[in-house]
C-alpha atoms as a PDB file:
ATOM      1  CA  UNK A   1     -73.253 -32.426  47.306  1.00  0.00           C
ATOM      2  CA  UNK A   2     -71.557 -34.245  50.194  1.00  0.00           C
ATOM      3  CA  UNK A   3     -70.460 -37.869  49.974  1.00  0.00           C
ATOM      4  CA  UNK A   4     -73.088 -39.021  52.497  1.00  0.00           C
ATOM      5  CA  UNK A   5     -75.835 -37.409  50.438  1.00  0.00           C
ATOM      6  CA  UNK A   6     -74.559 -39.121  47.297  1.00  0.00           C
ATOM      7  CA  UNK A   7     -74.372 -42.450  49.097  1.00  0.00           C
ATOM      8  CA  UNK A   8     -77.983 -42.139  50.186  1.00  0.00           C
ATOM      9  CA  UNK A   9     -79.086 -41.338  46.648  1.00  0.00           C
ATOM     10  CA  UNK A  10     -77.087 -44.199  45.134  1.00  0.00           C
ATOM     11  CA  UNK A  11     -78.457 -46.841  47.495  1.00  0.00           C
ATOM     12  CA  UNK A  12     -81.999 -45.528  47.121  1.00  0.00           C
ATOM     13  CA  UNK A  13     -81.682 -45.533  43.338  1.00  0.00           C
ATOM     14  CA  UNK A  14     -80.454 -49.137  43.337  1.00  0.00           C
ATOM     15  CA  UNK A  15     -83.395 -50.226  45.507  1.00  0.00           C
ATOM     16  CA  UNK A  16     -85.907 -48.354  43.352  1.00  0.00           C
ATOM     17  CA  UNK A  17     -84.577 -49.788  40.083  1.00  0.00           C
ATOM     18  CA  UNK A  18     -84.518 -53.296  41.526  1.00  0.00           C
ATOM     19  CA  UNK A  19     -88.147 -53.095  42.676  1.00  0.00           C
ATOM     20  CA  UNK A  20     -89.480 -51.492  39.507  1.00  0.00           C
ATOM     21  CA  UNK A  21     -87.268 -53.685  37.349  1.00  0.00           C
ATOM     22  CA  UNK A  22     -88.620 -56.888  38.847  1.00  0.00           C
ATOM     23  CA  UNK A  23     -92.162 -55.629  38.259  1.00  0.00           C
ATOM     24  CA  UNK A  24     -91.276 -54.935  34.606  1.00  0.00           C
ATOM     25  CA  UNK A  25     -89.712 -58.409  34.361  1.00  0.00           C
ATOM     26  CA  UNK A  26     -92.973 -59.977  35.475  1.00  0.00           C
ATOM     27  CA  UNK A  27     -94.860 -58.055  32.768  1.00  0.00           C
ATOM     28  CA  UNK A  28     -92.225 -59.087  30.200  1.00  0.00           C
ATOM     29  CA  UNK A  29     -92.599 -62.767  31.067  1.00  0.00           C
ATOM     30  CA  UNK A  30     -96.403 -62.576  31.081  1.00  0.00           C
ATOM     31  CA  UNK A  31     -96.491 -60.527  27.864  1.00  0.00           C
ATOM     32  CA  UNK A  32     -99.519 -58.605  29.127  1.00  0.00           C
ATOM     33  CA  UNK A  33     -98.895 -55.108  27.785  1.00  0.00           C
ATOM     34  CA  UNK A  34     -99.802 -52.860  24.876  1.00  0.00           C
ATOM     35  CA  UNK A  35     -97.230 -51.347  22.516  1.00  0.00           C
ATOM     36  CA  UNK A  36     -97.189 -48.179  20.387  1.00  0.00           C
ATOM     37  CA  UNK A  37     -94.804 -47.052  17.658  1.00  0.00           C
ATOM     38  CA  UNK A  38     -93.302 -43.560  18.076  1.00  0.00           C
ATOM     39  CA  UNK A  39     -91.235 -43.717  14.868  1.00  0.00           C
ATOM     40  CA  UNK A  40     -89.223 -46.076  12.680  1.00  0.00           C
ATOM     41  CA  UNK A  41     -88.164 -48.976  14.941  1.00  0.00           C
ATOM     42  CA  UNK A  42     -88.948 -46.716  17.948  1.00  0.00           C
ATOM     43  CA  UNK A  43     -91.317 -48.612  20.246  1.00  0.00           C
ATOM     44  CA  UNK A  44     -92.896 -47.672  23.546  1.00  0.00           C
ATOM     45  CA  UNK A  45     -94.906 -50.023  25.728  1.00  0.00           C
ATOM     46  CA  UNK A  46     -97.260 -49.260  28.557  1.00  0.00           C
ATOM     47  CA  UNK A  47     -94.620 -50.881  30.780  1.00  0.00           C
ATOM     48  CA  UNK A  48     -92.192 -48.075  29.844  1.00  0.00           C
ATOM     49  CA  UNK A  49     -94.706 -45.503  31.028  1.00  0.00           C
ATOM     50  CA  UNK A  50     -95.755 -47.223  34.249  1.00  0.00           C
ATOM     51  CA  UNK A  51     -92.136 -48.039  35.143  1.00  0.00           C
ATOM     52  CA  UNK A  52     -91.025 -44.451  34.642  1.00  0.00           C
ATOM     53  CA  UNK A  53     -93.970 -43.196  36.697  1.00  0.00           C
ATOM     54  CA  UNK A  54     -92.989 -45.518  39.562  1.00  0.00           C
ATOM     55  CA  UNK A  55     -89.313 -44.513  39.430  1.00  0.00           C
ATOM     56  CA  UNK A  56     -90.152 -40.815  39.260  1.00  0.00           C
ATOM     57  CA  UNK A  57     -92.619 -41.008  42.151  1.00  0.00           C
ATOM     58  CA  UNK A  58     -90.178 -42.939  44.350  1.00  0.00           C
ATOM     59  CA  UNK A  59     -87.230 -40.625  43.636  1.00  0.00           C
ATOM     60  CA  UNK A  60     -89.307 -37.507  44.249  1.00  0.00           C
ATOM     61  CA  UNK A  61     -90.629 -38.984  47.488  1.00  0.00           C
ATOM     62  CA  UNK A  62     -87.082 -39.633  48.718  1.00  0.00           C
ATOM     63  CA  UNK A  63     -85.420 -36.519  47.243  1.00  0.00           C
ATOM     64  CA  UNK A  64     -88.060 -33.829  46.616  1.00  0.00           C
ATOM     65  CA  UNK A  65     -85.522 -31.118  45.745  1.00  0.00           C
ATOM     66  CA  UNK A  66     -84.076 -33.109  42.810  1.00  0.00           C
ATOM     67  CA  UNK A  67     -85.316 -32.499  39.260  1.00  0.00           C
ATOM     68  CA  UNK A  68     -86.297 -35.280  36.868  1.00  0.00           C
ATOM     69  CA  UNK A  69     -85.734 -35.900  33.149  1.00  0.00           C
ATOM     70  CA  UNK A  70     -87.248 -39.073  31.725  1.00  0.00           C
ATOM     71  CA  UNK A  71     -87.614 -40.551  28.250  1.00  0.00           C
ATOM     72  CA  UNK A  72     -91.390 -40.817  28.485  1.00  0.00           C
ATOM     73  CA  UNK A  73     -92.462 -37.938  30.745  1.00  0.00           C
ATOM     74  CA  UNK A  74     -89.799 -35.397  29.808  1.00  0.00           C
ATOM     75  CA  UNK A  75     -88.595 -32.740  32.239  1.00  0.00           C
ATOM     76  CA  UNK A  76     -85.456 -30.618  32.323  1.00  0.00           C
ATOM     77  CA  UNK A  77     -82.086 -30.178  33.922  1.00  0.00           C
ATOM     78  CA  UNK A  78     -81.823 -28.437  37.268  1.00  0.00           C
ATOM     79  CA  UNK A  79     -78.966 -28.140  39.745  1.00  0.00           C
ATOM     80  CA  UNK A  80     -79.462 -31.812  40.684  1.00  0.00           C
ATOM     81  CA  UNK A  81     -81.340 -33.964  38.168  1.00  0.00           C
ATOM     82  CA  UNK A  82     -82.192 -37.637  37.781  1.00  0.00           C
ATOM     83  CA  UNK A  83     -82.009 -38.725  34.118  1.00  0.00           C
ATOM     84  CA  UNK A  84     -83.960 -41.947  33.646  1.00  0.00           C
ATOM     85  CA  UNK A  85     -84.718 -44.506  30.954  1.00  0.00           C
ATOM     86  CA  UNK A  86     -87.379 -46.824  32.401  1.00  0.00           C
ATOM     87  CA  UNK A  87     -86.717 -49.533  29.802  1.00  0.00           C
ATOM     88  CA  UNK A  88     -83.739 -49.255  27.495  1.00  0.00           C
ATOM     89  CA  UNK A  89     -84.089 -51.799  24.720  1.00  0.00           C
ATOM     90  CA  UNK A  90     -87.854 -51.547  24.303  1.00  0.00           C
ATOM     91  CA  UNK A  91     -87.616 -53.054  20.807  1.00  0.00           C
ATOM     92  CA  UNK A  92     -86.144 -56.162  22.460  1.00  0.00           C
ATOM     93  CA  UNK A  93     -88.660 -56.038  25.313  1.00  0.00           C
ATOM     94  CA  UNK A  94     -91.730 -56.007  23.048  1.00  0.00           C
ATOM     95  CA  UNK A  95     -90.327 -58.875  20.950  1.00  0.00           C
ATOM     96  CA  UNK A  96     -89.644 -61.081  23.951  1.00  0.00           C
ATOM     97  CA  UNK A  97     -85.861 -60.740  23.741  1.00  0.00           C
ATOM     98  CA  UNK A  98     -84.269 -60.715  27.202  1.00  0.00           C
ATOM     99  CA  UNK A  99     -81.741 -57.929  26.596  1.00  0.00           C
ATOM    100  CA  UNK A 100     -83.047 -54.727  28.182  1.00  0.00           C
ATOM    101  CA  UNK A 101     -82.458 -52.706  31.328  1.00  0.00           C
ATOM    102  CA  UNK A 102     -83.396 -49.757  33.510  1.00  0.00           C
ATOM    103  CA  UNK A 103     -80.988 -46.818  33.630  1.00  0.00           C
ATOM    104  CA  UNK A 104     -80.690 -43.834  35.971  1.00  0.00           C
ATOM    105  CA  UNK A 105     -78.039 -41.171  36.456  1.00  0.00           C
ATOM    106  CA  UNK A 106     -77.812 -38.217  38.822  1.00  0.00           C
ATOM    107  CA  UNK A 107     -76.336 -35.119  37.185  1.00  0.00           C
ATOM    108  CA  UNK A 108     -75.264 -32.313  39.522  1.00  0.00           C
ATOM    109  CA  UNK A 109     -74.295 -28.932  38.041  1.00  0.00           C
ATOM    110  CA  UNK A 110     -73.969 -30.533  34.613  1.00  0.00           C
ATOM    111  CA  UNK A 111     -71.742 -33.427  35.740  1.00  0.00           C
ATOM    112  CA  UNK A 112     -72.932 -37.018  36.324  1.00  0.00           C
ATOM    113  CA  UNK A 113     -72.109 -38.222  39.832  1.00  0.00           C
ATOM    114  CA  UNK A 114     -74.175 -41.415  40.126  1.00  0.00           C
ATOM    115  CA  UNK A 115     -74.866 -44.069  37.494  1.00  0.00           C
ATOM    116  CA  UNK A 116     -77.038 -47.145  37.996  1.00  0.00           C
ATOM    117  CA  UNK A 117     -78.083 -49.680  35.356  1.00  0.00           C
ATOM    118  CA  UNK A 118     -80.159 -52.714  36.326  1.00  0.00           C
ATOM    119  CA  UNK A 119     -80.702 -55.836  34.216  1.00  0.00           C
ATOM    120  CA  UNK A 120     -83.753 -57.559  35.752  1.00  0.00           C
ATOM    121  CA  UNK A 121     -83.447 -60.672  33.582  1.00  0.00           C
ATOM    122  CA  UNK A 122     -80.020 -61.553  35.007  1.00  0.00           C
ATOM    123  CA  UNK A 123     -80.505 -59.638  38.283  1.00  0.00           C
ATOM    124  CA  UNK A 124     -77.321 -57.644  37.617  1.00  0.00           C
ATOM    125  CA  UNK A 125     -76.920 -54.239  39.253  1.00  0.00           C
ATOM    126  CA  UNK A 126     -74.232 -52.059  37.653  1.00  0.00           C
ATOM    127  CA  UNK A 127     -73.538 -49.094  39.915  1.00  0.00           C
ATOM    128  CA  UNK A 128     -71.050 -46.278  40.414  1.00  0.00           C
ATOM    129  CA  UNK A 129     -70.435 -43.023  42.183  1.00  0.00           C
ATOM    130  CA  UNK A 130     -68.007 -40.375  40.965  1.00  0.00           C
ATOM    131  CA  UNK A 131     -64.527 -41.075  42.290  1.00  0.00           C
ATOM    132  CA  UNK A 132     -65.562 -44.338  44.004  1.00  0.00           C
ATOM    133  CA  UNK A 133     -65.139 -46.878  41.190  1.00  0.00           C
ATOM    134  CA  UNK A 134     -67.791 -49.112  39.628  1.00  0.00           C
ATOM    135  CA  UNK A 135     -69.374 -52.384  40.745  1.00  0.00           C
ATOM    136  CA  UNK A 136     -71.625 -55.142  39.462  1.00  0.00           C
ATOM    137  CA  UNK A 137     -73.704 -56.748  42.201  1.00  0.00           C
ATOM    138  CA  UNK A 138     -71.365 -55.149  44.721  1.00  0.00           C
ATOM    139  CA  UNK A 139     -68.156 -56.527  43.193  1.00  0.00           C
ATOM    140  CA  UNK A 140     -65.568 -54.160  41.659  1.00  0.00           C
ATOM    141  CA  UNK A 141     -65.509 -54.206  37.880  1.00  0.00           C
ATOM    142  CA  UNK A 142     -63.132 -52.803  35.280  1.00  0.00           C
ATOM    143  CA  UNK A 143     -62.765 -52.418  31.549  1.00  0.00           C
ATOM    144  CA  UNK A 144     -60.590 -54.853  29.610  1.00  0.00           C
ATOM    145  CA  UNK A 145     -56.841 -54.505  29.186  1.00  0.00           C
ATOM    146  CA  UNK A 146     -57.045 -55.499  25.542  1.00  0.00           C
ATOM    147  CA  UNK A 147     -54.787 -53.605  23.137  1.00  0.00           C
ATOM    148  CA  UNK A 148     -55.136 -55.503  19.845  1.00  0.00           C
ATOM    149  CA  UNK A 149     -57.793 -54.443  17.302  1.00  0.00           C
ATOM    150  CA  UNK A 150     -57.791 -57.986  15.926  1.00  0.00           C
ATOM    151  CA  UNK A 151     -58.938 -59.288  19.334  1.00  0.00           C
ATOM    152  CA  UNK A 152     -61.335 -56.443  20.065  1.00  0.00           C
ATOM    153  CA  UNK A 153     -65.135 -56.200  20.163  1.00  0.00           C
ATOM    154  CA  UNK A 154     -66.939 -52.863  19.825  1.00  0.00           C
ATOM    155  CA  UNK A 155     -70.533 -52.595  20.972  1.00  0.00           C
ATOM    156  CA  UNK A 156     -72.626 -50.243  18.888  1.00  0.00           C
ATOM    157  CA  UNK A 157     -76.175 -49.032  18.397  1.00  0.00           C
ATOM    158  CA  UNK A 158     -78.027 -47.279  15.604  1.00  0.00           C
ATOM    159  CA  UNK A 159     -81.275 -45.358  15.508  1.00  0.00           C
ATOM    160  CA  UNK A 160     -83.247 -44.111  12.535  1.00  0.00           C
ATOM    161  CA  UNK A 161     -82.937 -40.487  13.636  1.00  0.00           C
ATOM    162  CA  UNK A 162     -79.480 -40.596  12.031  1.00  0.00           C
ATOM    163  CA  UNK A 163     -78.412 -41.564   8.515  1.00  0.00           C
ATOM    164  CA  UNK A 164     -77.053 -45.090   7.987  1.00  0.00           C
ATOM    165  CA  UNK A 165     -73.958 -43.976   6.080  1.00  0.00           C
ATOM    166  CA  UNK A 166     -71.690 -43.466   9.098  1.00  0.00           C
ATOM    167  CA  UNK A 167     -72.566 -46.721  10.834  1.00  0.00           C
ATOM    168  CA  UNK A 168     -72.148 -48.614   7.544  1.00  0.00           C
ATOM    169  CA  UNK A 169     -68.681 -47.130   7.093  1.00  0.00           C
ATOM    170  CA  UNK A 170     -67.639 -47.851  10.685  1.00  0.00           C
ATOM    171  CA  UNK A 171     -68.812 -51.468  10.469  1.00  0.00           C
ATOM    172  CA  UNK A 172     -66.927 -51.898   7.193  1.00  0.00           C
ATOM    173  CA  UNK A 173     -63.748 -50.445   8.698  1.00  0.00           C
ATOM    174  CA  UNK A 174     -64.064 -52.630  11.792  1.00  0.00           C
ATOM    175  CA  UNK A 175     -64.368 -55.795   9.722  1.00  0.00           C
ATOM    176  CA  UNK A 176     -61.514 -54.739   7.429  1.00  0.00           C
ATOM    177  CA  UNK A 177     -59.308 -54.338  10.502  1.00  0.00           C
ATOM    178  CA  UNK A 178     -60.313 -57.701  11.967  1.00  0.00           C
ATOM    179  CA  UNK A 179     -62.347 -56.101  14.766  1.00  0.00           C
ATOM    180  CA  UNK A 180     -65.671 -57.665  15.735  1.00  0.00           C
ATOM    181  CA  UNK A 181     -68.796 -55.783  16.816  1.00  0.00           C
ATOM    182  CA  UNK A 182     -72.007 -56.377  18.741  1.00  0.00           C
ATOM    183  CA  UNK A 183     -75.317 -54.639  17.999  1.00  0.00           C
ATOM    184  CA  UNK A 184     -77.573 -55.821  20.799  1.00  0.00           C
ATOM    185  CA  UNK A 185     -80.435 -53.306  20.722  1.00  0.00           C
ATOM    186  CA  UNK A 186     -80.007 -51.752  24.189  1.00  0.00           C
ATOM    187  CA  UNK A 187     -77.333 -49.058  24.276  1.00  0.00           C
ATOM    188  CA  UNK A 188     -77.366 -48.430  28.034  1.00  0.00           C
ATOM    189  CA  UNK A 189     -76.913 -52.116  28.821  1.00  0.00           C
ATOM    190  CA  UNK A 190     -74.163 -52.355  26.197  1.00  0.00           C
ATOM    191  CA  UNK A 191     -72.356 -49.461  27.917  1.00  0.00           C
ATOM    192  CA  UNK A 192     -72.603 -51.328  31.227  1.00  0.00           C
ATOM    193  CA  UNK A 193     -71.186 -54.456  29.608  1.00  0.00           C
ATOM    194  CA  UNK A 194     -68.231 -52.442  28.309  1.00  0.00           C
ATOM    195  CA  UNK A 195     -67.624 -51.174  31.857  1.00  0.00           C
ATOM    196  CA  UNK A 196     -67.713 -54.790  33.064  1.00  0.00           C
ATOM    197  CA  UNK A 197     -65.076 -55.852  30.522  1.00  0.00           C
ATOM    198  CA  UNK A 198     -67.440 -57.853  28.311  1.00  0.00           C
ATOM    199  CA  UNK A 199     -66.641 -55.720  25.263  1.00  0.00           C
ATOM    200  CA  UNK A 200     -63.746 -53.345  24.580  1.00  0.00           C
ATOM    201  CA  UNK A 201     -65.784 -50.263  23.736  1.00  0.00           C
ATOM    202  CA  UNK A 202     -69.156 -48.843  22.785  1.00  0.00           C
ATOM    203  CA  UNK A 203     -70.126 -46.279  20.159  1.00  0.00           C
ATOM    204  CA  UNK A 204     -73.286 -44.634  18.860  1.00  0.00           C
ATOM    205  CA  UNK A 205     -73.405 -41.680  16.492  1.00  0.00           C
ATOM    206  CA  UNK A 206     -76.172 -39.975  18.502  1.00  0.00           C
ATOM    207  CA  UNK A 207     -77.652 -41.028  21.823  1.00  0.00           C
ATOM    208  CA  UNK A 208     -80.220 -39.423  24.105  1.00  0.00           C
ATOM    209  CA  UNK A 209     -79.097 -38.527  27.653  1.00  0.00           C
ATOM    210  CA  UNK A 210     -81.310 -41.113  29.365  1.00  0.00           C
ATOM    211  CA  UNK A 211     -79.524 -43.839  27.397  1.00  0.00           C
ATOM    212  CA  UNK A 212     -75.997 -42.480  27.821  1.00  0.00           C
ATOM    213  CA  UNK A 213     -75.518 -40.721  31.176  1.00  0.00           C
ATOM    214  CA  UNK A 214     -75.289 -43.684  33.546  1.00  0.00           C
ATOM    215  CA  UNK A 215     -73.328 -45.943  31.213  1.00  0.00           C
ATOM    216  CA  UNK A 216     -70.630 -43.413  30.382  1.00  0.00           C
ATOM    217  CA  UNK A 217     -70.008 -42.762  34.068  1.00  0.00           C
ATOM    218  CA  UNK A 218     -69.803 -46.523  34.660  1.00  0.00           C
ATOM    219  CA  UNK A 219     -67.112 -46.833  31.975  1.00  0.00           C
ATOM    220  CA  UNK A 220     -65.144 -43.885  33.340  1.00  0.00           C
ATOM    221  CA  UNK A 221     -65.320 -45.231  36.902  1.00  0.00           C
ATOM    222  CA  UNK A 222     -64.307 -48.698  35.645  1.00  0.00           C
ATOM    223  CA  UNK A 223     -61.071 -47.237  34.264  1.00  0.00           C
ATOM    224  CA  UNK A 224     -62.158 -46.501  30.715  1.00  0.00           C
ATOM    225  CA  UNK A 225     -61.826 -43.443  28.490  1.00  0.00           C
ATOM    226  CA  UNK A 226     -64.943 -41.629  27.307  1.00  0.00           C
ATOM    227  CA  UNK A 227     -66.019 -38.763  25.098  1.00  0.00           C
ATOM    228  CA  UNK A 228     -67.121 -35.376  26.434  1.00  0.00           C
ATOM    229  CA  UNK A 229     -70.805 -36.189  26.169  1.00  0.00           C
ATOM    230  CA  UNK A 230     -71.828 -33.046  28.044  1.00  0.00           C
ATOM    231  CA  UNK A 231     -70.397 -30.728  25.379  1.00  0.00           C
ATOM    232  CA  UNK A 232     -72.923 -28.579  23.503  1.00  0.00           C
ATOM    233  CA  UNK A 233     -75.623 -29.235  26.115  1.00  0.00           C
ATOM    234  CA  UNK A 234     -75.450 -33.008  25.612  1.00  0.00           C
ATOM    235  CA  UNK A 235     -77.168 -33.871  28.884  1.00  0.00           C
ATOM    236  CA  UNK A 236     -80.244 -31.990  27.685  1.00  0.00           C
ATOM    237  CA  UNK A 237     -80.233 -32.667  23.943  1.00  0.00           C
ATOM    238  CA  UNK A 238     -78.098 -35.768  23.342  1.00  0.00           C
ATOM    239  CA  UNK A 239     -74.725 -36.248  21.691  1.00  0.00           C
ATOM    240  CA  UNK A 240     -72.343 -38.763  20.161  1.00  0.00           C
ATOM    241  CA  UNK A 241     -71.202 -41.535  22.519  1.00  0.00           C
ATOM    242  CA  UNK A 242     -67.878 -43.319  22.771  1.00  0.00           C
ATOM    243  CA  UNK A 243     -66.365 -45.198  25.684  1.00  0.00           C
ATOM    244  CA  UNK A 244     -63.529 -47.716  25.585  1.00  0.00           C
ATOM    245  CA  UNK A 245     -60.692 -49.461  27.331  1.00  0.00           C
ATOM    246  CA  UNK A 246     -57.687 -47.075  27.379  1.00  0.00           C
ATOM    247  CA  UNK A 247     -55.442 -49.131  25.088  1.00  0.00           C
ATOM    248  CA  UNK A 248     -58.020 -49.142  22.292  1.00  0.00           C
ATOM    249  CA  UNK A 249     -59.671 -45.772  22.885  1.00  0.00           C
ATOM    250  CA  UNK A 250     -57.615 -43.889  20.283  1.00  0.00           C
ATOM    251  CA  UNK A 251     -58.263 -46.616  17.719  1.00  0.00           C
ATOM    252  CA  UNK A 252     -62.029 -46.471  18.226  1.00  0.00           C
ATOM    253  CA  UNK A 253     -61.963 -42.653  18.311  1.00  0.00           C
ATOM    254  CA  UNK A 254     -60.180 -42.437  14.959  1.00  0.00           C
ATOM    255  CA  UNK A 255     -62.491 -45.039  13.452  1.00  0.00           C
ATOM    256  CA  UNK A 256     -65.732 -43.396  14.593  1.00  0.00           C
ATOM    257  CA  UNK A 257     -64.677 -39.754  14.482  1.00  0.00           C
ATOM    258  CA  UNK A 258     -65.772 -39.151  18.087  1.00  0.00           C
ATOM    259  CA  UNK A 259     -63.103 -37.247  20.075  1.00  0.00           C
ATOM    260  CA  UNK A 260     -62.101 -38.445  23.514  1.00  0.00           C
ATOM    261  CA  UNK A 261     -61.986 -36.463  26.725  1.00  0.00           C
ATOM    262  CA  UNK A 262     -60.300 -37.090  30.051  1.00  0.00           C
ATOM    263  CA  UNK A 263     -62.360 -38.622  32.859  1.00  0.00           C
ATOM    264  CA  UNK A 264     -62.672 -35.088  34.263  1.00  0.00           C
ATOM    265  CA  UNK A 265     -65.241 -34.450  31.529  1.00  0.00           C
ATOM    266  CA  UNK A 266     -67.433 -37.030  33.277  1.00  0.00           C
ATOM    267  CA  UNK A 267     -66.604 -36.850  36.953  1.00  0.00           C
ATOM    268  CA  UNK A 268     -64.683 -34.418  39.172  1.00  0.00           C
END
């Protein structure tokens, strides 16, 4: 796909997420929505469904040849596919906690080439295009230059589809090494914050593609090191996630057991 085509998709995606995100923000503030439970600590609100429907409709109207894979409506990977989480951090959203976001990535021939994450509560647009760097609200952003585990902060998430033993061990090892951690309840937004230099890394033992695709590309384009999430059909099924500032990437990789890959595993 040519650069001009990617540019058009990136700008359209940003506009779509901003519009739908502000509509979701209004529903969040009003609290006028119903909520269902899909599994242990796995919530879905009607706002998730209506937001995804709006994003899907708008993307298909602009780019009818692109495929779509969403958390709520499903779908599959094609040659060019939008992978979308309409609200990442639904457990926060339904509890009135203002830490949630919208996330969208374009994956072409199995490689993510656009990543956009929008935080409507702070009106922050995290955006990137393969080989073009990463921005927040149009300003260049980069991962930290931190190299000391005793100064470091690792973002992490946990879901009840995995056993708690690994995350318990990792947290124990982090604290024993003097490393802090943040468990904020919205993995995609935590990945964006790592890309913006607000933490030194992010890890989750298993993450679905709609949570991971955009954020990992943001970290890679912001100068970070990431895992090869696409291995073993990760962009269809999910995989382990790790992204970090280069000087701490090996430390976090050894601690979590998630191997690192070069940025070529994310972007050409």
